PDB file of N, CA and C in Angstrom:
ATOM      1  N   UNK A   1     126.444 122.850  91.077  1.00  0.00           N
ATOM      2  CA  UNK A   1     125.456 121.979  93.112  1.00  0.00           C
ATOM      3  C   UNK A   1     125.571 123.819  93.573  1.00  0.00           C
ATOM      4  N   UNK A   2     124.563 124.033  93.908  1.00  0.00           N
ATOM      5  CA  UNK A   2     124.798 125.063  94.693  1.00  0.00           C
ATOM      6  C   UNK A   2     123.770 125.213  96.779  1.00  0.00           C
ATOM      7  N   UNK A   3     125.919 125.976  97.298  1.00  0.00           N
ATOM      8  CA  UNK A   3     124.754 125.222  98.255  1.00  0.00           C
ATOM      9  C   UNK A   3     124.508 126.248  99.415  1.00  0.00           C
ATOM     10  N   UNK A   4     123.266 126.255 100.561  1.00  0.00           N
ATOM     11  CA  UNK A   4     122.572 127.479 100.504  1.00  0.00           C
ATOM     12  C   UNK A   4     122.968 126.522 102.229  1.00  0.00           C
ATOM     13  N   UNK A   5     123.535 127.702 103.315  1.00  0.00           N
ATOM     14  CA  UNK A   5     123.439 127.432 105.074  1.00  0.00           C
ATOM     15  C   UNK A   5     122.345 128.105 105.668  1.00  0.00           C
ATOM     16  N   UNK A   6     121.513 128.421 105.456  1.00  0.00           N
ATOM     17  CA  UNK A   6     120.420 128.910 106.650  1.00  0.00           C
ATOM     18  C   UNK A   6     119.868 129.696 105.911  1.00  0.00           C
ATOM     19  N   UNK A   7     118.671 129.221 104.195  1.00  0.00           N
ATOM     20  CA  UNK A   7     118.579 130.222 103.480  1.00  0.00           C
ATOM     21  C   UNK A   7     117.498 130.905 104.087  1.00  0.00           C
ATOM     22  N   UNK A   8     116.829 131.972 103.870  1.00  0.00           N
ATOM     23  CA  UNK A   8     115.861 133.195 103.400  1.00  0.00           C
ATOM     24  C   UNK A   8     114.277 131.656 104.032  1.00  0.00           C
ATOM     25  N   UNK A   9     113.267 131.754 104.452  1.00  0.00           N
ATOM     26  CA  UNK A   9     112.484 130.899 104.773  1.00  0.00           C
ATOM     27  C   UNK A   9     111.559 130.626 103.192  1.00  0.00           C
ATOM     28  N   UNK A  10     111.012 129.614 102.739  1.00  0.00           N
ATOM     29  CA  UNK A  10     111.001 129.101 101.718  1.00  0.00           C
ATOM     30  C   UNK A  10     109.232 129.842 101.662  1.00  0.00           C
ATOM     31  N   UNK A  11     109.118 129.680 102.303  1.00  0.00           N
ATOM     32  CA  UNK A  11     107.506 130.932 102.284  1.00  0.00           C
ATOM     33  C   UNK A  11     107.637 132.449 102.136  1.00  0.00           C
ATOM     34  N   UNK A  12     108.548 132.724 102.599  1.00  0.00           N
ATOM     35  CA  UNK A  12     109.203 134.087 102.167  1.00  0.00           C
ATOM     36  C   UNK A  12     108.274 135.162 103.859  1.00  0.00           C
ATOM     37  N   UNK A  13     108.184 134.042 104.609  1.00  0.00           N
ATOM     38  CA  UNK A  13     107.830 135.208 106.157  1.00  0.00           C
ATOM     39  C   UNK A  13     108.775 135.789 107.034  1.00  0.00           C
ATOM     40  N   UNK A  14     108.987 135.875 107.790  1.00  0.00           N
ATOM     41  CA  UNK A  14     109.567 137.134 109.208  1.00  0.00           C
ATOM     42  C   UNK A  14     108.978 135.322 110.068  1.00  0.00           C
ATOM     43  N   UNK A  15     110.309 134.643 111.177  1.00  0.00           N
ATOM     44  CA  UNK A  15     110.514 133.231 111.573  1.00  0.00           C
ATOM     45  C   UNK A  15     109.909 134.755 112.874  1.00  0.00           C
ATOM     46  N   UNK A  16     109.552 135.175 112.894  1.00  0.00           N
ATOM     47  CA  UNK A  16     109.037 135.179 114.640  1.00  0.00           C
ATOM     48  C   UNK A  16     108.157 136.049 114.398  1.00  0.00           C
ATOM     49  N   UNK A  17     107.422 136.998 113.352  1.00  0.00           N
ATOM     50  CA  UNK A  17     106.592 137.065 114.066  1.00  0.00           C
ATOM     51  C   UNK A  17     105.160 136.787 112.317  1.00  0.00           C
ATOM     52  N   UNK A  18     106.062 135.630 111.440  1.00  0.00           N
ATOM     53  CA  UNK A  18     104.776 135.494 110.555  1.00  0.00           C
ATOM     54  C   UNK A  18     104.625 135.711 109.071  1.00  0.00           C
ATOM     55  N   UNK A  19     105.462 137.404 109.876  1.00  0.00           N
ATOM     56  CA  UNK A  19     104.308 138.375 108.427  1.00  0.00           C
ATOM     57  C   UNK A  19     105.286 137.671 106.466  1.00  0.00           C
ATOM     58  N   UNK A  20     103.778 137.813 106.179  1.00  0.00           N
ATOM     59  CA  UNK A  20     104.472 137.654 104.423  1.00  0.00           C
ATOM     60  C   UNK A  20     105.279 138.473 104.174  1.00  0.00           C
ATOM     61  N   UNK A  21     106.680 138.844 103.530  1.00  0.00           N
ATOM     62  CA  UNK A  21     107.610 140.159 102.538  1.00  0.00           C
ATOM     63  C   UNK A  21     106.080 141.300 102.105  1.00  0.00           C
ATOM     64  N   UNK A  22     105.377 140.745 101.498  1.00  0.00           N
ATOM     65  CA  UNK A  22     104.614 141.173 101.248  1.00  0.00           C
ATOM     66  C   UNK A  22     103.583 142.690 101.547  1.00  0.00           C
ATOM     67  N   UNK A  23     103.879 141.956 102.967  1.00  0.00           N
ATOM     68  CA  UNK A  23     103.090 143.184 104.155  1.00  0.00           C
ATOM     69  C   UNK A  23     104.340 143.768 104.905  1.00  0.00           C
ATOM     70  N   UNK A  24     105.788 143.496 104.459  1.00  0.00           N
ATOM     71  CA  UNK A  24     106.516 144.931 105.509  1.00  0.00           C
ATOM     72  C   UNK A  24     107.061 145.188 105.064  1.00  0.00           C
ATOM     73  N   UNK A  25     108.238 145.644 105.319  1.00  0.00           N
ATOM     74  CA  UNK A  25     108.143 147.444 105.579  1.00  0.00           C
ATOM     75  C   UNK A  25     109.810 147.205 105.610  1.00  0.00           C
ATOM     76  N   UNK A  26     110.432 147.147 104.442  1.00  0.00           N
ATOM     77  CA  UNK A  26     111.927 147.362 103.898  1.00  0.00           C
ATOM     78  C   UNK A  26     113.072 148.170 104.883  1.00  0.00           C
ATOM     79  N   UNK A  27     114.182 147.705 104.943  1.00  0.00           N
ATOM     80  CA  UNK A  27     114.704 148.181 105.681  1.00  0.00           C
ATOM     81  C   UNK A  27     115.337 148.723 105.065  1.00  0.00           C
ATOM     82  N   UNK A  28     116.207 150.396 105.313  1.00  0.00           N
ATOM     83  CA  UNK A  28     116.572 151.234 105.338  1.00  0.00           C
ATOM     84  C   UNK A  28     118.464 150.882 105.277  1.00  0.00           C
ATOM     85  N   UNK A  29     119.031 152.175 104.170  1.00  0.00           N
ATOM     86  CA  UNK A  29     120.248 152.056 104.127  1.00  0.00           C
ATOM     87  C   UNK A  29     121.065 153.394 105.238  1.00  0.00           C
ATOM     88  N   UNK A  30     121.963 152.646 105.225  1.00  0.00           N
ATOM     89  CA  UNK A  30     123.266 153.374 105.892  1.00  0.00           C
ATOM     90  C   UNK A  30     122.282 154.320 106.534  1.00  0.00           C
ATOM     91  N   UNK A  31     121.859 154.659 108.272  1.00  0.00           N
ATOM     92  CA  UNK A  31     121.987 155.927 108.765  1.00  0.00           C
ATOM     93  C   UNK A  31     120.293 156.120 109.225  1.00  0.00           C
ATOM     94  N   UNK A  32     119.671 154.745 108.761  1.00  0.00           N
ATOM     95  CA  UNK A  32     118.572 153.625 109.549  1.00  0.00           C
ATOM     96  C   UNK A  32     119.017 153.690 111.328  1.00  0.00           C
ATOM     97  N   UNK A  33     117.630 153.714 112.135  1.00  0.00           N
ATOM     98  CA  UNK A  33     118.327 153.778 113.482  1.00  0.00           C
ATOM     99  C   UNK A  33     118.638 152.016 113.322  1.00  0.00           C
ATOM    100  N   UNK A  34     118.383 151.001 113.206  1.00  0.00           N
ATOM    101  CA  UNK A  34     118.369 149.932 112.827  1.00  0.00           C
ATOM    102  C   UNK A  34     119.803 149.866 112.449  1.00  0.00           C
ATOM    103  N   UNK A  35     120.648 149.313 112.843  1.00  0.00           N
ATOM    104  CA  UNK A  35     122.488 149.704 113.308  1.00  0.00           C
ATOM    105  C   UNK A  35     122.854 148.451 111.244  1.00  0.00           C
ATOM    106  N   UNK A  36     123.772 148.911 110.792  1.00  0.00           N
ATOM    107  CA  UNK A  36     123.980 148.209 109.403  1.00  0.00           C
ATOM    108  C   UNK A  36     122.973 148.693 107.825  1.00  0.00           C
ATOM    109  N   UNK A  37     123.685 148.498 106.834  1.00  0.00           N
ATOM    110  CA  UNK A  37     123.455 148.836 106.010  1.00  0.00           C
ATOM    111  C   UNK A  37     122.352 147.903 105.203  1.00  0.00           C
ATOM    112  N   UNK A  38     121.142 147.303 104.945  1.00  0.00           N
ATOM    113  CA  UNK A  38     120.065 146.721 104.551  1.00  0.00           C
ATOM    114  C   UNK A  38     119.512 147.263 103.669  1.00  0.00           C
ATOM    115  N   UNK A  39     119.749 148.344 102.646  1.00  0.00           N
ATOM    116  CA  UNK A  39     118.958 149.244 101.726  1.00  0.00           C
ATOM    117  C   UNK A  39     118.123 147.803 101.266  1.00  0.00           C
ATOM    118  N   UNK A  40     116.857 148.488 101.410  1.00  0.00           N
ATOM    119  CA  UNK A  40     115.959 147.762 100.667  1.00  0.00           C
ATOM    120  C   UNK A  40     115.204 146.520 101.815  1.00  0.00           C
ATOM    121  N   UNK A  41     116.192 145.766 101.856  1.00  0.00           N
ATOM    122  CA  UNK A  41     115.913 143.954 103.080  1.00  0.00           C
ATOM    123  C   UNK A  41     115.072 144.006 103.553  1.00  0.00           C
ATOM    124  N   UNK A  42     114.521 142.832 102.866  1.00  0.00           N
ATOM    125  CA  UNK A  42     112.733 142.747 103.753  1.00  0.00           C
ATOM    126  C   UNK A  42     112.808 142.318 104.843  1.00  0.00           C
ATOM    127  N   UNK A  43     113.740 141.037 104.668  1.00  0.00           N
ATOM    128  CA  UNK A  43     114.312 139.848 105.433  1.00  0.00           C
ATOM    129  C   UNK A  43     115.649 139.574 106.382  1.00  0.00           C
ATOM    130  N   UNK A  44     116.337 140.449 107.682  1.00  0.00           N
ATOM    131  CA  UNK A  44     117.667 139.775 107.948  1.00  0.00           C
ATOM    132  C   UNK A  44     117.518 138.488 108.743  1.00  0.00           C
ATOM    133  N   UNK A  45     118.387 137.295 107.494  1.00  0.00           N
ATOM    134  CA  UNK A  45     119.503 136.913 109.218  1.00  0.00           C
ATOM    135  C   UNK A  45     119.396 137.327 110.205  1.00  0.00           C
ATOM    136  N   UNK A  46     119.607 136.844 111.280  1.00  0.00           N
ATOM    137  CA  UNK A  46     119.965 137.340 113.286  1.00  0.00           C
ATOM    138  C   UNK A  46     120.849 135.317 113.744  1.00  0.00           C
ATOM    139  N   UNK A  47     120.549 135.808 114.317  1.00  0.00           N
ATOM    140  CA  UNK A  47     120.958 135.428 115.517  1.00  0.00           C
ATOM    141  C   UNK A  47     120.888 134.651 116.674  1.00  0.00           C
ATOM    142  N   UNK A  48     119.549 133.806 116.999  1.00  0.00           N
ATOM    143  CA  UNK A  48     119.086 134.579 119.010  1.00  0.00           C
ATOM    144  C   UNK A  48     119.716 133.244 119.412  1.00  0.00           C
ATOM    145  N   UNK A  49     119.825 133.207 120.884  1.00  0.00           N
ATOM    146  CA  UNK A  49     120.069 131.756 121.958  1.00  0.00           C
ATOM    147  C   UNK A  49     118.838 130.974 121.775  1.00  0.00           C
ATOM    148  N   UNK A  50     119.292 130.177 122.204  1.00  0.00           N
ATOM    149  CA  UNK A  50     118.319 128.541 122.258  1.00  0.00           C
ATOM    150  C   UNK A  50     117.195 129.084 123.706  1.00  0.00           C
ATOM    151  N   UNK A  51     117.943 129.744 124.463  1.00  0.00           N
ATOM    152  CA  UNK A  51     117.294 129.399 125.919  1.00  0.00           C
ATOM    153  C   UNK A  51     117.458 130.981 126.594  1.00  0.00           C
ATOM    154  N   UNK A  52     116.926 131.768 126.477  1.00  0.00           N
ATOM    155  CA  UNK A  52     116.536 132.594 127.644  1.00  0.00           C
ATOM    156  C   UNK A  52     117.646 131.927 128.901  1.00  0.00           C
ATOM    157  N   UNK A  53     118.651 133.135 128.302  1.00  0.00           N
ATOM    158  CA  UNK A  53     119.593 133.762 129.454  1.00  0.00           C
ATOM    159  C   UNK A  53     119.382 133.661 131.059  1.00  0.00           C
ATOM    160  N   UNK A  54     119.650 133.121 131.999  1.00  0.00           N
ATOM    161  CA  UNK A  54     119.376 133.393 133.383  1.00  0.00           C
ATOM    162  C   UNK A  54     120.643 133.258 134.095  1.00  0.00           C
ATOM    163  N   UNK A  55     120.454 134.730 134.715  1.00  0.00           N
ATOM    164  CA  UNK A  55     121.564 133.994 135.779  1.00  0.00           C
ATOM    165  C   UNK A  55     122.055 132.993 137.013  1.00  0.00           C
ATOM    166  N   UNK A  56     122.697 133.027 137.845  1.00  0.00           N
ATOM    167  CA  UNK A  56     123.673 131.749 138.348  1.00  0.00           C
ATOM    168  C   UNK A  56     122.071 131.252 139.614  1.00  0.00           C
ATOM    169  N   UNK A  57     121.859 132.994 140.442  1.00  0.00           N
ATOM    170  CA  UNK A  57     120.672 132.413 141.527  1.00  0.00           C
ATOM    171  C   UNK A  57     119.406 132.258 140.560  1.00  0.00           C
ATOM    172  N   UNK A  58     118.307 132.749 138.881  1.00  0.00           N
ATOM    173  CA  UNK A  58     117.269 132.331 138.732  1.00  0.00           C
ATOM    174  C   UNK A  58     117.449 130.592 138.103  1.00  0.00           C
ATOM    175  N   UNK A  59     119.249 130.065 138.034  1.00  0.00           N
ATOM    176  CA  UNK A  59     118.616 129.169 137.537  1.00  0.00           C
ATOM    177  C   UNK A  59     118.850 128.275 138.087  1.00  0.00           C
ATOM    178  N   UNK A  60     119.838 127.985 139.169  1.00  0.00           N
ATOM    179  CA  UNK A  60     119.485 127.205 141.152  1.00  0.00           C
ATOM    180  C   UNK A  60     117.713 127.299 141.094  1.00  0.00           C
ATOM    181  N   UNK A  61     117.035 128.550 140.997  1.00  0.00           N
ATOM    182  CA  UNK A  61     115.683 128.190 141.106  1.00  0.00           C
ATOM    183  C   UNK A  61     114.891 127.711 140.406  1.00  0.00           C
ATOM    184  N   UNK A  62     115.203 127.658 139.413  1.00  0.00           N
ATOM    185  CA  UNK A  62     114.628 127.300 138.517  1.00  0.00           C
ATOM    186  C   UNK A  62     115.414 126.302 138.259  1.00  0.00           C
ATOM    187  N   UNK A  63     116.096 125.264 138.670  1.00  0.00           N
ATOM    188  CA  UNK A  63     116.036 123.711 138.549  1.00  0.00           C
ATOM    189  C   UNK A  63     116.594 122.748 139.967  1.00  0.00           C
ATOM    190  N   UNK A  64     115.978 124.043 141.274  1.00  0.00           N
ATOM    191  CA  UNK A  64     115.944 123.498 142.347  1.00  0.00           C
ATOM    192  C   UNK A  64     115.873 122.101 142.734  1.00  0.00           C
ATOM    193  N   UNK A  65     117.834 121.953 142.628  1.00  0.00           N
ATOM    194  CA  UNK A  65     117.702 120.454 142.722  1.00  0.00           C
ATOM    195  C   UNK A  65     117.613 119.571 142.927  1.00  0.00           C
ATOM    196  N   UNK A  66     116.920 119.166 141.315  1.00  0.00           N
ATOM    197  CA  UNK A  66     116.013 118.406 140.635  1.00  0.00           C
ATOM    198  C   UNK A  66     117.447 117.981 139.394  1.00  0.00           C
ATOM    199  N   UNK A  67     116.759 117.440 138.736  1.00  0.00           N
ATOM    200  CA  UNK A  67     117.211 116.554 137.931  1.00  0.00           C
ATOM    201  C   UNK A  67     119.261 117.703 137.162  1.00  0.00           C
ATOM    202  N   UNK A  68     119.316 116.396 137.945  1.00  0.00           N
ATOM    203  CA  UNK A  68     120.932 118.043 136.733  1.00  0.00           C
ATOM    204  C   UNK A  68     120.888 117.598 135.430  1.00  0.00           C
ATOM    205  N   UNK A  69     120.784 116.949 134.865  1.00  0.00           N
ATOM    206  CA  UNK A  69     120.288 116.570 133.054  1.00  0.00           C
ATOM    207  C   UNK A  69     120.633 118.051 132.400  1.00  0.00           C
ATOM    208  N   UNK A  70     118.790 117.654 133.252  1.00  0.00           N
ATOM    209  CA  UNK A  70     118.552 118.829 132.401  1.00  0.00           C
ATOM    210  C   UNK A  70     119.149 120.619 133.008  1.00  0.00           C
ATOM    211  N   UNK A  71     119.332 121.197 133.423  1.00  0.00           N
ATOM    212  CA  UNK A  71     120.226 121.556 134.109  1.00  0.00           C
ATOM    213  C   UNK A  71     121.493 121.872 133.376  1.00  0.00           C
ATOM    214  N   UNK A  72     122.356 120.745 132.708  1.00  0.00           N
ATOM    215  CA  UNK A  72     123.367 120.995 131.989  1.00  0.00           C
ATOM    216  C   UNK A  72     122.183 121.211 130.992  1.00  0.00           C
ATOM    217  N   UNK A  73     121.364 120.646 129.813  1.00  0.00           N
ATOM    218  CA  UNK A  73     121.210 120.997 128.993  1.00  0.00           C
ATOM    219  C   UNK A  73     120.977 122.195 128.950  1.00  0.00           C
ATOM    220  N   UNK A  74     119.985 122.423 129.584  1.00  0.00           N
ATOM    221  CA  UNK A  74     119.611 124.352 129.514  1.00  0.00           C
ATOM    222  C   UNK A  74     120.817 125.050 129.460  1.00  0.00           C
ATOM    223  N   UNK A  75     122.100 124.488 130.420  1.00  0.00           N
ATOM    224  CA  UNK A  75     123.296 125.939 130.048  1.00  0.00           C
ATOM    225  C   UNK A  75     123.901 126.014 128.562  1.00  0.00           C
ATOM    226  N   UNK A  76     123.645 123.780 128.587  1.00  0.00           N
ATOM    227  CA  UNK A  76     124.212 124.660 126.984  1.00  0.00           C
ATOM    228  C   UNK A  76     123.500 124.729 125.466  1.00  0.00           C
ATOM    229  N   UNK A  77     121.908 125.337 126.556  1.00  0.00           N
ATOM    230  CA  UNK A  77     120.821 125.642 125.338  1.00  0.00           C
ATOM    231  C   UNK A  77     121.405 126.959 125.419  1.00  0.00           C
ATOM    232  N   UNK A  78     121.861 127.860 127.054  1.00  0.00           N
ATOM    233  CA  UNK A  78     121.518 129.146 126.959  1.00  0.00           C
ATOM    234  C   UNK A  78     123.486 129.429 125.798  1.00  0.00           C
ATOM    235  N   UNK A  79     123.697 128.862 125.179  1.00  0.00           N
ATOM    236  CA  UNK A  79     125.443 129.411 125.397  1.00  0.00           C
ATOM    237  C   UNK A  79     125.432 129.082 123.004  1.00  0.00           C
ATOM    238  N   UNK A  80     124.433 128.220 122.722  1.00  0.00           N
ATOM    239  CA  UNK A  80     123.744 127.506 122.009  1.00  0.00           C
ATOM    240  C   UNK A  80     122.223 128.880 120.625  1.00  0.00           C
ATOM    241  N   UNK A  81     124.035 128.662 119.784  1.00  0.00           N
ATOM    242  CA  UNK A  81     122.808 129.944 118.874  1.00  0.00           C
ATOM    243  C   UNK A  81     121.861 130.014 117.818  1.00  0.00           C
ATOM    244  N   UNK A  82     120.630 129.566 116.698  1.00  0.00           N
ATOM    245  CA  UNK A  82     120.105 129.131 115.856  1.00  0.00           C
ATOM    246  C   UNK A  82     119.781 130.429 115.099  1.00  0.00           C
ATOM    247  N   UNK A  83     119.998 130.271 113.948  1.00  0.00           N
ATOM    248  CA  UNK A  83     119.523 131.295 113.024  1.00  0.00           C
ATOM    249  C   UNK A  83     118.390 131.625 112.258  1.00  0.00           C
ATOM    250  N   UNK A  84     117.990 133.358 113.022  1.00  0.00           N
ATOM    251  CA  UNK A  84     116.444 133.284 112.187  1.00  0.00           C
ATOM    252  C   UNK A  84     116.652 134.121 111.854  1.00  0.00           C
ATOM    253  N   UNK A  85     115.231 134.400 110.394  1.00  0.00           N
ATOM    254  CA  UNK A  85     115.180 135.246 109.738  1.00  0.00           C
ATOM    255  C   UNK A  85     114.075 136.275 110.157  1.00  0.00           C
ATOM    256  N   UNK A  86     114.459 137.752 110.688  1.00  0.00           N
ATOM    257  CA  UNK A  86     112.985 138.702 111.396  1.00  0.00           C
ATOM    258  C   UNK A  86     113.178 139.747 109.925  1.00  0.00           C
ATOM    259  N   UNK A  87     111.820 140.956 110.321  1.00  0.00           N
ATOM    260  CA  UNK A  87     111.694 141.566 109.882  1.00  0.00           C
ATOM    261  C   UNK A  87     112.557 142.880 110.486  1.00  0.00           C
ATOM    262  N   UNK A  88     112.000 144.403 110.088  1.00  0.00           N
ATOM    263  CA  UNK A  88     112.727 144.757 110.901  1.00  0.00           C
ATOM    264  C   UNK A  88     112.110 145.159 112.596  1.00  0.00           C
ATOM    265  N   UNK A  89     110.887 145.204 112.605  1.00  0.00           N
ATOM    266  CA  UNK A  89     109.575 145.135 113.383  1.00  0.00           C
ATOM    267  C   UNK A  89     110.328 143.472 114.673  1.00  0.00           C
ATOM    268  N   UNK A  90     110.716 142.820 114.451  1.00  0.00           N
ATOM    269  CA  UNK A  90     111.495 142.014 115.057  1.00  0.00           C
ATOM    270  C   UNK A  90     112.928 141.678 115.418  1.00  0.00           C
ATOM    271  N   UNK A  91     113.096 142.239 114.236  1.00  0.00           N
ATOM    272  CA  UNK A  91     115.003 142.391 115.197  1.00  0.00           C
ATOM    273  C   UNK A  91     115.017 142.657 116.461  1.00  0.00           C
ATOM    274  N   UNK A  92     114.921 143.856 116.261  1.00  0.00           N
ATOM    275  CA  UNK A  92     114.945 144.402 117.758  1.00  0.00           C
ATOM    276  C   UNK A  92     114.828 144.009 118.818  1.00  0.00           C
ATOM    277  N   UNK A  93     113.625 142.932 118.726  1.00  0.00           N
ATOM    278  CA  UNK A  93     113.354 142.083 120.026  1.00  0.00           C
ATOM    279  C   UNK A  93     114.414 141.648 121.159  1.00  0.00           C
ATOM    280  N   UNK A  94     113.913 141.277 122.509  1.00  0.00           N
ATOM    281  CA  UNK A  94     115.144 141.142 123.155  1.00  0.00           C
ATOM    282  C   UNK A  94     114.792 139.561 122.747  1.00  0.00           C
ATOM    283  N   UNK A  95     116.032 138.737 123.470  1.00  0.00           N
ATOM    284  CA  UNK A  95     115.801 137.445 122.885  1.00  0.00           C
ATOM    285  C   UNK A  95     114.057 136.738 123.462  1.00  0.00           C
ATOM    286  N   UNK A  96     114.091 137.185 124.846  1.00  0.00           N
ATOM    287  CA  UNK A  96     112.643 136.649 125.579  1.00  0.00           C
ATOM    288  C   UNK A  96     111.913 137.274 124.554  1.00  0.00           C
ATOM    289  N   UNK A  97     111.545 138.667 124.575  1.00  0.00           N
ATOM    290  CA  UNK A  97     110.349 139.283 124.056  1.00  0.00           C
ATOM    291  C   UNK A  97     109.865 138.177 122.364  1.00  0.00           C
ATOM    292  N   UNK A  98     111.821 137.716 121.498  1.00  0.00           N
ATOM    293  CA  UNK A  98     111.341 138.043 120.366  1.00  0.00           C
ATOM    294  C   UNK A  98     110.546 136.146 120.267  1.00  0.00           C
ATOM    295  N   UNK A  99     110.656 135.113 121.667  1.00  0.00           N
ATOM    296  CA  UNK A  99     110.742 133.462 121.944  1.00  0.00           C
ATOM    297  C   UNK A  99     109.209 133.785 122.105  1.00  0.00           C
ATOM    298  N   UNK A 100     108.478 134.807 122.907  1.00  0.00           N
ATOM    299  CA  UNK A 100     106.932 135.133 123.321  1.00  0.00           C
ATOM    300  C   UNK A 100     106.257 135.298 122.194  1.00  0.00           C
ATOM    301  N   UNK A 101     106.483 136.319 120.958  1.00  0.00           N
ATOM    302  CA  UNK A 101     106.400 136.108 120.345  1.00  0.00           C
ATOM    303  C   UNK A 101     106.369 135.813 119.152  1.00  0.00           C
ATOM    304  N   UNK A 102     106.778 134.872 118.416  1.00  0.00           N
ATOM    305  CA  UNK A 102     107.581 133.380 118.228  1.00  0.00           C
ATOM    306  C   UNK A 102     106.356 132.599 118.293  1.00  0.00           C
ATOM    307  N   UNK A 103     106.430 132.333 119.411  1.00  0.00           N
ATOM    308  CA  UNK A 103     104.617 131.114 119.592  1.00  0.00           C
ATOM    309  C   UNK A 103     103.820 131.964 119.351  1.00  0.00           C
ATOM    310  N   UNK A 104     103.597 133.754 119.224  1.00  0.00           N
ATOM    311  CA  UNK A 104     101.904 134.113 118.960  1.00  0.00           C
ATOM    312  C   UNK A 104     101.355 133.382 118.010  1.00  0.00           C
ATOM    313  N   UNK A 105     102.217 133.514 116.611  1.00  0.00           N
ATOM    314  CA  UNK A 105     101.963 133.191 115.401  1.00  0.00           C
ATOM    315  C   UNK A 105     100.949 131.963 114.993  1.00  0.00           C
TER     316      UNK A 105
END
């Protein structure tokens, strides 16, 4: 029996932009502008925060005295990460841009 934690998507597509592996440019070898040696890989597993990181002033403004449970949940989400399989175009995106692009697919 083989156990695979966070396996690549079964549809073989980037979890951000939705492009299928047949339409992707592969990662390069050592020396590729992207850090790491992912020679020939089409999707790489990375980890992203579950919520955009807000500084303390933005956090107070967002919740402005509203439900403290929502604020606590949001703070926990900021510190929680999830796995994401991404192509070379998407893996370089900041978390906020990633979420915008992912929601457009």
